[in-house]
């Protein structure tokens, strides 16, 4: 399961169920998988995650991506990491 922080740009319209934008980019991602979780904001890792999720997760576990960290797979930790990334992104 993946959770993300998305940066919206261009014309952004708010709807009842969320937002629609001219452009959207995943700015940070947390993946909860097999009892663990990893997350980060490295654009290359995020791109790799979309292209080859299994490889990106294995690489993250081996420490290939320095900007990707292992966290506890709890809601507090997942939301906390994404909240911290959102504050840094602002």
PDB file of N, CA and C in Angstrom:
ATOM      1  N   UNK A   1       0.853  -1.151   0.000  1.00  0.00           N
ATOM      2  CA  UNK A   1       0.000   0.000   0.000  1.00  0.00           C
ATOM      3  C   UNK A   1       0.909   1.228   0.000  1.00  0.00           C
ATOM      4  N   UNK A   2       0.571   2.173  -0.837  1.00  0.00           N
ATOM      5  CA  UNK A   2       1.391   3.384  -0.938  1.00  0.00           C
ATOM      6  C   UNK A   2       0.590   4.611  -0.514  1.00  0.00           C
ATOM      7  N   UNK A   3       1.278   5.507   0.172  1.00  0.00           N
ATOM      8  CA  UNK A   3       0.710   6.781   0.591  1.00  0.00           C
ATOM      9  C   UNK A   3       1.637   7.858   0.053  1.00  0.00           C
ATOM     10  N   UNK A   4       1.078   8.976  -0.369  1.00  0.00           N
ATOM     11  CA  UNK A   4       1.947   9.975  -0.954  1.00  0.00           C
ATOM     12  C   UNK A   4       1.558  11.403  -0.669  1.00  0.00           C
ATOM     13  N   UNK A   5       2.523  12.243  -0.925  1.00  0.00           N
ATOM     14  CA  UNK A   5       2.370  13.688  -0.885  1.00  0.00           C
ATOM     15  C   UNK A   5       2.487  14.150  -2.326  1.00  0.00           C
ATOM     16  N   UNK A   6       1.456  14.817  -2.825  1.00  0.00           N
ATOM     17  CA  UNK A   6       1.422  15.208  -4.221  1.00  0.00           C
ATOM     18  C   UNK A   6       1.449  16.726  -4.324  1.00  0.00           C
ATOM     19  N   UNK A   7       2.329  17.240  -5.178  1.00  0.00           N
ATOM     20  CA  UNK A   7       2.397  18.673  -5.445  1.00  0.00           C
ATOM     21  C   UNK A   7       1.552  18.962  -6.675  1.00  0.00           C
ATOM     22  N   UNK A   8       0.586  19.850  -6.526  1.00  0.00           N
ATOM     23  CA  UNK A   8      -0.290  20.219  -7.632  1.00  0.00           C
ATOM     24  C   UNK A   8       0.108  21.584  -8.156  1.00  0.00           C
ATOM     25  N   UNK A   9       0.037  21.756  -9.479  1.00  0.00           N
ATOM     26  CA  UNK A   9       0.376  23.055 -10.062  1.00  0.00           C
ATOM     27  C   UNK A   9      -0.518  23.333 -11.262  1.00  0.00           C
ATOM     28  N   UNK A  10      -0.402  24.541 -11.774  1.00  0.00           N
ATOM     29  CA  UNK A  10      -1.291  24.957 -12.849  1.00  0.00           C
ATOM     30  C   UNK A  10      -2.648  25.308 -12.262  1.00  0.00           C
ATOM     31  N   UNK A  11      -3.683  25.108 -13.030  1.00  0.00           N
ATOM     32  CA  UNK A  11      -5.034  25.352 -12.536  1.00  0.00           C
ATOM     33  C   UNK A  11      -5.415  24.191 -11.623  1.00  0.00           C
ATOM     34  N   UNK A  12      -5.735  24.517 -10.365  1.00  0.00           N
ATOM     35  CA  UNK A  12      -6.129  23.514  -9.375  1.00  0.00           C
ATOM     36  C   UNK A  12      -7.579  23.786  -8.991  1.00  0.00           C
ATOM     37  N   UNK A  13      -8.412  22.755  -9.101  1.00  0.00           N
ATOM     38  CA  UNK A  13      -9.835  22.889  -8.807  1.00  0.00           C
ATOM     39  C   UNK A  13     -10.186  21.943  -7.659  1.00  0.00           C
ATOM     40  N   UNK A  14     -10.854  22.474  -6.645  1.00  0.00           N
ATOM     41  CA  UNK A  14     -11.297  21.642  -5.522  1.00  0.00           C
ATOM     42  C   UNK A  14     -12.676  21.082  -5.830  1.00  0.00           C
ATOM     43  N   UNK A  15     -12.845  19.779  -5.598  1.00  0.00           N
ATOM     44  CA  UNK A  15     -14.121  19.092  -5.795  1.00  0.00           C
ATOM     45  C   UNK A  15     -14.568  18.504  -4.464  1.00  0.00           C
ATOM     46  N   UNK A  16     -15.748  17.915  -4.442  1.00  0.00           N
ATOM     47  CA  UNK A  16     -16.265  17.278  -3.225  1.00  0.00           C
ATOM     48  C   UNK A  16     -15.325  16.188  -2.716  1.00  0.00           C
ATOM     49  N   UNK A  17     -14.703  15.448  -3.615  1.00  0.00           N
ATOM     50  CA  UNK A  17     -13.877  14.292  -3.244  1.00  0.00           C
ATOM     51  C   UNK A  17     -12.382  14.534  -3.414  1.00  0.00           C
ATOM     52  N   UNK A  18     -11.953  15.768  -3.537  1.00  0.00           N
ATOM     53  CA  UNK A  18     -10.527  16.012  -3.667  1.00  0.00           C
ATOM     54  C   UNK A  18     -10.229  17.159  -4.612  1.00  0.00           C
ATOM     55  N   UNK A  19      -9.102  17.026  -5.306  1.00  0.00           N
ATOM     56  CA  UNK A  19      -8.628  18.093  -6.172  1.00  0.00           C
ATOM     57  C   UNK A  19      -8.334  17.547  -7.561  1.00  0.00           C
ATOM     58  N   UNK A  20      -8.378  18.444  -8.534  1.00  0.00           N
ATOM     59  CA  UNK A  20      -7.929  18.139  -9.888  1.00  0.00           C
ATOM     60  C   UNK A  20      -6.995  19.276 -10.283  1.00  0.00           C
ATOM     61  N   UNK A  21      -5.897  18.925 -10.946  1.00  0.00           N
ATOM     62  CA  UNK A  21      -4.919  19.947 -11.299  1.00  0.00           C
ATOM     63  C   UNK A  21      -4.399  19.723 -12.714  1.00  0.00           C
ATOM     64  N   UNK A  22      -3.852  20.789 -13.280  1.00  0.00           N
ATOM     65  CA  UNK A  22      -3.242  20.676 -14.605  1.00  0.00           C
ATOM     66  C   UNK A  22      -2.029  19.753 -14.552  1.00  0.00           C
ATOM     67  N   UNK A  23      -1.279  19.831 -13.448  1.00  0.00           N
ATOM     68  CA  UNK A  23      -0.100  18.972 -13.282  1.00  0.00           C
ATOM     69  C   UNK A  23      -0.036  18.478 -11.841  1.00  0.00           C
ATOM     70  N   UNK A  24       0.406  17.249 -11.690  1.00  0.00           N
ATOM     71  CA  UNK A  24       0.580  16.661 -10.364  1.00  0.00           C
ATOM     72  C   UNK A  24       1.881  15.876 -10.354  1.00  0.00           C
ATOM     73  N   UNK A  25       2.613  15.992  -9.251  1.00  0.00           N
ATOM     74  CA  UNK A  25       3.883  15.275  -9.121  1.00  0.00           C
ATOM     75  C   UNK A  25       3.976  14.684  -7.717  1.00  0.00           C
ATOM     76  N   UNK A  26       4.336  13.416  -7.646  1.00  0.00           N
ATOM     77  CA  UNK A  26       4.544  12.782  -6.346  1.00  0.00           C
ATOM     78  C   UNK A  26       5.800  13.390  -5.730  1.00  0.00           C
ATOM     79  N   UNK A  27       5.637  14.071  -4.597  1.00  0.00           N
ATOM     80  CA  UNK A  27       6.765  14.736  -3.945  1.00  0.00           C
ATOM     81  C   UNK A  27       7.402  13.865  -2.867  1.00  0.00           C
ATOM     82  N   UNK A  28       6.625  12.957  -2.283  1.00  0.00           N
ATOM     83  CA  UNK A  28       7.132  12.012  -1.276  1.00  0.00           C
ATOM     84  C   UNK A  28       6.189  10.814  -1.259  1.00  0.00           C
ATOM     85  N   UNK A  29       6.757   9.655  -0.950  1.00  0.00           N
ATOM     86  CA  UNK A  29       5.969   8.418  -0.949  1.00  0.00           C
ATOM     87  C   UNK A  29       6.393   7.557   0.236  1.00  0.00           C
ATOM     88  N   UNK A  30       5.408   6.905   0.851  1.00  0.00           N
ATOM     89  CA  UNK A  30       5.664   5.879   1.860  1.00  0.00           C
ATOM     90  C   UNK A  30       4.976   4.608   1.373  1.00  0.00           C
ATOM     91  N   UNK A  31       5.716   3.512   1.368  1.00  0.00           N
ATOM     92  CA  UNK A  31       5.159   2.220   0.965  1.00  0.00           C
ATOM     93  C   UNK A  31       5.180   1.291   2.172  1.00  0.00           C
ATOM     94  N   UNK A  32       4.011   0.752   2.489  1.00  0.00           N
ATOM     95  CA  UNK A  32       3.887  -0.248   3.557  1.00  0.00           C
ATOM     96  C   UNK A  32       3.792  -1.596   2.854  1.00  0.00           C
ATOM     97  N   UNK A  33       4.758  -2.474   3.174  1.00  0.00           N
ATOM     98  CA  UNK A  33       4.848  -3.737   2.442  1.00  0.00           C
ATOM     99  C   UNK A  33       5.453  -4.816   3.330  1.00  0.00           C
ATOM    100  N   UNK A  34       4.761  -5.942   3.428  1.00  0.00           N
ATOM    101  CA  UNK A  34       5.260  -7.097   4.171  1.00  0.00           C
ATOM    102  C   UNK A  34       5.698  -6.782   5.592  1.00  0.00           C
ATOM    103  N   UNK A  35       4.874  -6.026   6.295  1.00  0.00           N
ATOM    104  CA  UNK A  35       5.133  -5.746   7.694  1.00  0.00           C
ATOM    105  C   UNK A  35       6.111  -4.622   7.970  1.00  0.00           C
ATOM    106  N   UNK A  36       6.642  -4.000   6.943  1.00  0.00           N
ATOM    107  CA  UNK A  36       7.570  -2.886   7.122  1.00  0.00           C
ATOM    108  C   UNK A  36       7.114  -1.693   6.305  1.00  0.00           C
ATOM    109  N   UNK A  37       7.858  -0.615   6.387  1.00  0.00           N
ATOM    110  CA  UNK A  37       7.533   0.579   5.606  1.00  0.00           C
ATOM    111  C   UNK A  37       8.809   1.322   5.267  1.00  0.00           C
ATOM    112  N   UNK A  38       8.845   1.892   4.079  1.00  0.00           N
ATOM    113  CA  UNK A  38       9.943   2.755   3.656  1.00  0.00           C
ATOM    114  C   UNK A  38       9.334   3.991   3.018  1.00  0.00           C
ATOM    115  N   UNK A  39      10.041   5.088   3.127  1.00  0.00           N
ATOM    116  CA  UNK A  39       9.531   6.310   2.534  1.00  0.00           C
ATOM    117  C   UNK A  39      10.618   7.323   2.299  1.00  0.00           C
ATOM    118  N   UNK A  40      10.325   8.241   1.399  1.00  0.00           N
ATOM    119  CA  UNK A  40      11.278   9.298   1.118  1.00  0.00           C
ATOM    120  C   UNK A  40      10.811  10.208   0.008  1.00  0.00           C
ATOM    121  N   UNK A  41      11.662  11.177  -0.295  1.00  0.00           N
ATOM    122  CA  UNK A  41      11.317  12.178  -1.302  1.00  0.00           C
ATOM    123  C   UNK A  41      12.293  12.212  -2.464  1.00  0.00           C
ATOM    124  N   UNK A  42      13.165  11.217  -2.570  1.00  0.00           N
ATOM    125  CA  UNK A  42      14.136  11.180  -3.662  1.00  0.00           C
ATOM    126  C   UNK A  42      13.402  11.002  -4.993  1.00  0.00           C
ATOM    127  N   UNK A  43      13.465  12.000  -5.887  1.00  0.00           N
ATOM    128  CA  UNK A  43      12.724  11.915  -7.149  1.00  0.00           C
ATOM    129  C   UNK A  43      13.098  10.690  -7.992  1.00  0.00           C
ATOM    130  N   UNK A  44      14.353  10.315  -7.967  1.00  0.00           N
ATOM    131  CA  UNK A  44      14.778   9.140  -8.746  1.00  0.00           C
ATOM    132  C   UNK A  44      14.178   7.862  -8.174  1.00  0.00           C
ATOM    133  N   UNK A  45      14.125   7.759  -6.840  1.00  0.00           N
ATOM    134  CA  UNK A  45      13.517   6.585  -6.212  1.00  0.00           C
ATOM    135  C   UNK A  45      12.021   6.541  -6.505  1.00  0.00           C
ATOM    136  N   UNK A  46      11.358   7.683  -6.441  1.00  0.00           N
ATOM    137  CA  UNK A  46       9.920   7.721  -6.713  1.00  0.00           C
ATOM    138  C   UNK A  46       9.654   7.296  -8.159  1.00  0.00           C
ATOM    139  N   UNK A  47      10.455   7.777  -9.077  1.00  0.00           N
ATOM    140  CA  UNK A  47      10.304   7.370 -10.478  1.00  0.00           C
ATOM    141  C   UNK A  47      10.510   5.860 -10.621  1.00  0.00           C
ATOM    142  N   UNK A  48      11.546   5.342  -9.972  1.00  0.00           N
ATOM    143  CA  UNK A  48      11.831   3.904 -10.000  1.00  0.00           C
ATOM    144  C   UNK A  48      10.674   3.124  -9.379  1.00  0.00           C
ATOM    145  N   UNK A  49      10.099   3.664  -8.317  1.00  0.00           N
ATOM    146  CA  UNK A  49       8.974   3.015  -7.644  1.00  0.00           C
ATOM    147  C   UNK A  49       7.778   2.865  -8.583  1.00  0.00           C
ATOM    148  N   UNK A  50       7.508   3.873  -9.393  1.00  0.00           N
ATOM    149  CA  UNK A  50       6.406   3.793 -10.348  1.00  0.00           C
ATOM    150  C   UNK A  50       6.724   2.838 -11.496  1.00  0.00           C
ATOM    151  N   UNK A  51       7.986   2.806 -11.897  1.00  0.00           N
ATOM    152  CA  UNK A  51       8.377   1.955 -13.025  1.00  0.00           C
ATOM    153  C   UNK A  51       8.532   0.486 -12.626  1.00  0.00           C
ATOM    154  N   UNK A  52       9.234   0.238 -11.534  1.00  0.00           N
ATOM    155  CA  UNK A  52       9.540  -1.126 -11.079  1.00  0.00           C
ATOM    156  C   UNK A  52       9.438  -1.188  -9.561  1.00  0.00           C
ATOM    157  N   UNK A  53       8.223  -1.275  -9.034  1.00  0.00           N
ATOM    158  CA  UNK A  53       8.035  -1.201  -7.581  1.00  0.00           C
ATOM    159  C   UNK A  53       8.832  -2.229  -6.795  1.00  0.00           C
ATOM    160  N   UNK A  54       8.851  -3.466  -7.243  1.00  0.00           N
ATOM    161  CA  UNK A  54       9.589  -4.509  -6.525  1.00  0.00           C
ATOM    162  C   UNK A  54      11.062  -4.197  -6.423  1.00  0.00           C
ATOM    163  N   UNK A  55      11.646  -3.751  -7.522  1.00  0.00           N
ATOM    164  CA  UNK A  55      13.073  -3.399  -7.518  1.00  0.00           C
ATOM    165  C   UNK A  55      13.347  -2.210  -6.601  1.00  0.00           C
ATOM    166  N   UNK A  56      12.490  -1.198  -6.665  1.00  0.00           N
ATOM    167  CA  UNK A  56      12.685  -0.005  -5.836  1.00  0.00           C
ATOM    168  C   UNK A  56      12.631  -0.355  -4.359  1.00  0.00           C
ATOM    169  N   UNK A  57      11.720  -1.261  -3.976  1.00  0.00           N
ATOM    170  CA  UNK A  57      11.620  -1.656  -2.572  1.00  0.00           C
ATOM    171  C   UNK A  57      12.828  -2.473  -2.138  1.00  0.00           C
ATOM    172  N   UNK A  58      13.297  -3.373  -2.981  1.00  0.00           N
ATOM    173  CA  UNK A  58      14.492  -4.162  -2.650  1.00  0.00           C
ATOM    174  C   UNK A  58      15.709  -3.256  -2.521  1.00  0.00           C
ATOM    175  N   UNK A  59      15.836  -2.298  -3.431  1.00  0.00           N
ATOM    176  CA  UNK A  59      16.958  -1.360  -3.385  1.00  0.00           C
ATOM    177  C   UNK A  59      16.908  -0.504  -2.123  1.00  0.00           C
ATOM    178  N   UNK A  60      15.707  -0.078  -1.738  1.00  0.00           N
ATOM    179  CA  UNK A  60      15.561   0.724  -0.517  1.00  0.00           C
ATOM    180  C   UNK A  60      15.988  -0.093   0.694  1.00  0.00           C
ATOM    181  N   UNK A  61      15.631  -1.367   0.723  1.00  0.00           N
ATOM    182  CA  UNK A  61      16.004  -2.237   1.849  1.00  0.00           C
ATOM    183  C   UNK A  61      17.513  -2.422   1.932  1.00  0.00           C
ATOM    184  N   UNK A  62      18.187  -2.370   0.792  1.00  0.00           N
ATOM    185  CA  UNK A  62      19.651  -2.533   0.759  1.00  0.00           C
ATOM    186  C   UNK A  62      20.387  -1.210   0.963  1.00  0.00           C
ATOM    187  N   UNK A  63      19.658  -0.095   1.076  1.00  0.00           N
ATOM    188  CA  UNK A  63      20.293   1.195   1.311  1.00  0.00           C
ATOM    189  C   UNK A  63      20.816   1.875   0.065  1.00  0.00           C
ATOM    190  N   UNK A  64      20.327   1.471  -1.101  1.00  0.00           N
ATOM    191  CA  UNK A  64      20.780   2.065  -2.368  1.00  0.00           C
ATOM    192  C   UNK A  64      20.377   3.532  -2.457  1.00  0.00           C
ATOM    193  N   UNK A  65      19.230   3.872  -1.891  1.00  0.00           N
ATOM    194  CA  UNK A  65      18.700   5.234  -1.972  1.00  0.00           C
ATOM    195  C   UNK A  65      18.886   5.931  -0.623  1.00  0.00           C
ATOM    196  N   UNK A  66      19.888   6.802  -0.491  1.00  0.00           N
ATOM    197  CA  UNK A  66      20.159   7.440   0.807  1.00  0.00           C
ATOM    198  C   UNK A  66      19.000   8.279   1.344  1.00  0.00           C
ATOM    199  N   UNK A  67      18.167   8.835   0.481  1.00  0.00           N
ATOM    200  CA  UNK A  67      17.052   9.667   0.923  1.00  0.00           C
ATOM    201  C   UNK A  67      15.818   8.883   1.307  1.00  0.00           C
ATOM    202  N   UNK A  68      15.905   7.556   1.273  1.00  0.00           N
ATOM    203  CA  UNK A  68      14.769   6.704   1.598  1.00  0.00           C
ATOM    204  C   UNK A  68      15.051   6.028   2.931  1.00  0.00           C
ATOM    205  N   UNK A  69      14.099   6.120   3.857  1.00  0.00           N
ATOM    206  CA  UNK A  69      14.316   5.589   5.200  1.00  0.00           C
ATOM    207  C   UNK A  69      13.274   4.539   5.549  1.00  0.00           C
ATOM    208  N   UNK A  70      13.662   3.614   6.401  1.00  0.00           N
ATOM    209  CA  UNK A  70      12.728   2.629   6.940  1.00  0.00           C
ATOM    210  C   UNK A  70      12.043   3.250   8.151  1.00  0.00           C
ATOM    211  N   UNK A  71      10.734   3.039   8.253  1.00  0.00           N
ATOM    212  CA  UNK A  71       9.971   3.536   9.396  1.00  0.00           C
ATOM    213  C   UNK A  71       9.050   2.421   9.876  1.00  0.00           C
ATOM    214  N   UNK A  72       8.497   2.619  11.070  1.00  0.00           N
ATOM    215  CA  UNK A  72       7.492   1.682  11.554  1.00  0.00           C
ATOM    216  C   UNK A  72       6.239   1.840  10.687  1.00  0.00           C
ATOM    217  N   UNK A  73       5.570   0.752  10.359  1.00  0.00           N
ATOM    218  CA  UNK A  73       4.391   0.838   9.484  1.00  0.00           C
ATOM    219  C   UNK A  73       3.112   1.241  10.203  1.00  0.00           C
ATOM    220  N   UNK A  74       3.223   2.144  11.164  1.00  0.00           N
ATOM    221  CA  UNK A  74       2.037   2.614  11.883  1.00  0.00           C
ATOM    222  C   UNK A  74       1.495   3.874  11.220  1.00  0.00           C
ATOM    223  N   UNK A  75       0.223   4.125  11.432  1.00  0.00           N
ATOM    224  CA  UNK A  75      -0.392   5.318  10.848  1.00  0.00           C
ATOM    225  C   UNK A  75       0.324   6.581  11.317  1.00  0.00           C
ATOM    226  N   UNK A  76       0.685   6.637  12.606  1.00  0.00           N
ATOM    227  CA  UNK A  76       1.371   7.823  13.134  1.00  0.00           C
ATOM    228  C   UNK A  76       2.699   8.067  12.425  1.00  0.00           C
ATOM    229  N   UNK A  77       3.462   7.005  12.190  1.00  0.00           N
ATOM    230  CA  UNK A  77       4.765   7.149  11.530  1.00  0.00           C
ATOM    231  C   UNK A  77       4.614   7.536  10.062  1.00  0.00           C
ATOM    232  N   UNK A  78       3.673   6.904   9.372  1.00  0.00           N
ATOM    233  CA  UNK A  78       3.453   7.197   7.952  1.00  0.00           C
ATOM    234  C   UNK A  78       3.008   8.642   7.783  1.00  0.00           C
ATOM    235  N   UNK A  79       2.006   9.045   8.540  1.00  0.00           N
ATOM    236  CA  UNK A  79       1.504  10.413   8.454  1.00  0.00           C
ATOM    237  C   UNK A  79       2.574  11.402   8.905  1.00  0.00           C
ATOM    238  N   UNK A  80       3.324  11.045   9.932  1.00  0.00           N
ATOM    239  CA  UNK A  80       4.394  11.925  10.415  1.00  0.00           C
ATOM    240  C   UNK A  80       5.452  12.181   9.365  1.00  0.00           C
ATOM    241  N   UNK A  81       5.886  11.137   8.672  1.00  0.00           N
ATOM    242  CA  UNK A  81       6.900  11.319   7.629  1.00  0.00           C
ATOM    243  C   UNK A  81       6.363  12.204   6.510  1.00  0.00           C
ATOM    244  N   UNK A  82       5.142  11.944   6.076  1.00  0.00           N
ATOM    245  CA  UNK A  82       4.571  12.764   4.999  1.00  0.00           C
ATOM    246  C   UNK A  82       4.325  14.201   5.450  1.00  0.00           C
ATOM    247  N   UNK A  83       3.930  14.384   6.707  1.00  0.00           N
ATOM    248  CA  UNK A  83       3.734  15.742   7.237  1.00  0.00           C
ATOM    249  C   UNK A  83       5.064  16.494   7.274  1.00  0.00           C
ATOM    250  N   UNK A  84       6.117  15.818   7.716  1.00  0.00           N
ATOM    251  CA  UNK A  84       7.447  16.450   7.752  1.00  0.00           C
ATOM    252  C   UNK A  84       7.902  16.831   6.343  1.00  0.00           C
ATOM    253  N   UNK A  85       7.663  15.943   5.393  1.00  0.00           N
ATOM    254  CA  UNK A  85       8.046  16.233   4.012  1.00  0.00           C
ATOM    255  C   UNK A  85       7.234  17.419   3.464  1.00  0.00           C
ATOM    256  N   UNK A  86       5.959  17.487   3.827  1.00  0.00           N
ATOM    257  CA  UNK A  86       5.125  18.594   3.358  1.00  0.00           C
ATOM    258  C   UNK A  86       5.638  19.918   3.903  1.00  0.00           C
ATOM    259  N   UNK A  87       6.012  19.929   5.177  1.00  0.00           N
ATOM    260  CA  UNK A  87       6.557  21.161   5.775  1.00  0.00           C
ATOM    261  C   UNK A  87       7.860  21.558   5.095  1.00  0.00           C
ATOM    262  N   UNK A  88       8.706  20.585   4.827  1.00  0.00           N
ATOM    263  CA  UNK A  88       9.977  20.868   4.163  1.00  0.00           C
ATOM    264  C   UNK A  88       9.753  21.331   2.724  1.00  0.00           C
ATOM    265  N   UNK A  89       8.760  20.748   2.083  1.00  0.00           N
ATOM    266  CA  UNK A  89       8.461  21.079   0.686  1.00  0.00           C
ATOM    267  C   UNK A  89       7.948  22.509   0.547  1.00  0.00           C
ATOM    268  N   UNK A  90       7.172  22.970   1.535  1.00  0.00           N
ATOM    269  CA  UNK A  90       6.625  24.328   1.497  1.00  0.00           C
ATOM    270  C   UNK A  90       7.741  25.337   1.454  1.00  0.00           C
TER     271      UNK A  90
END
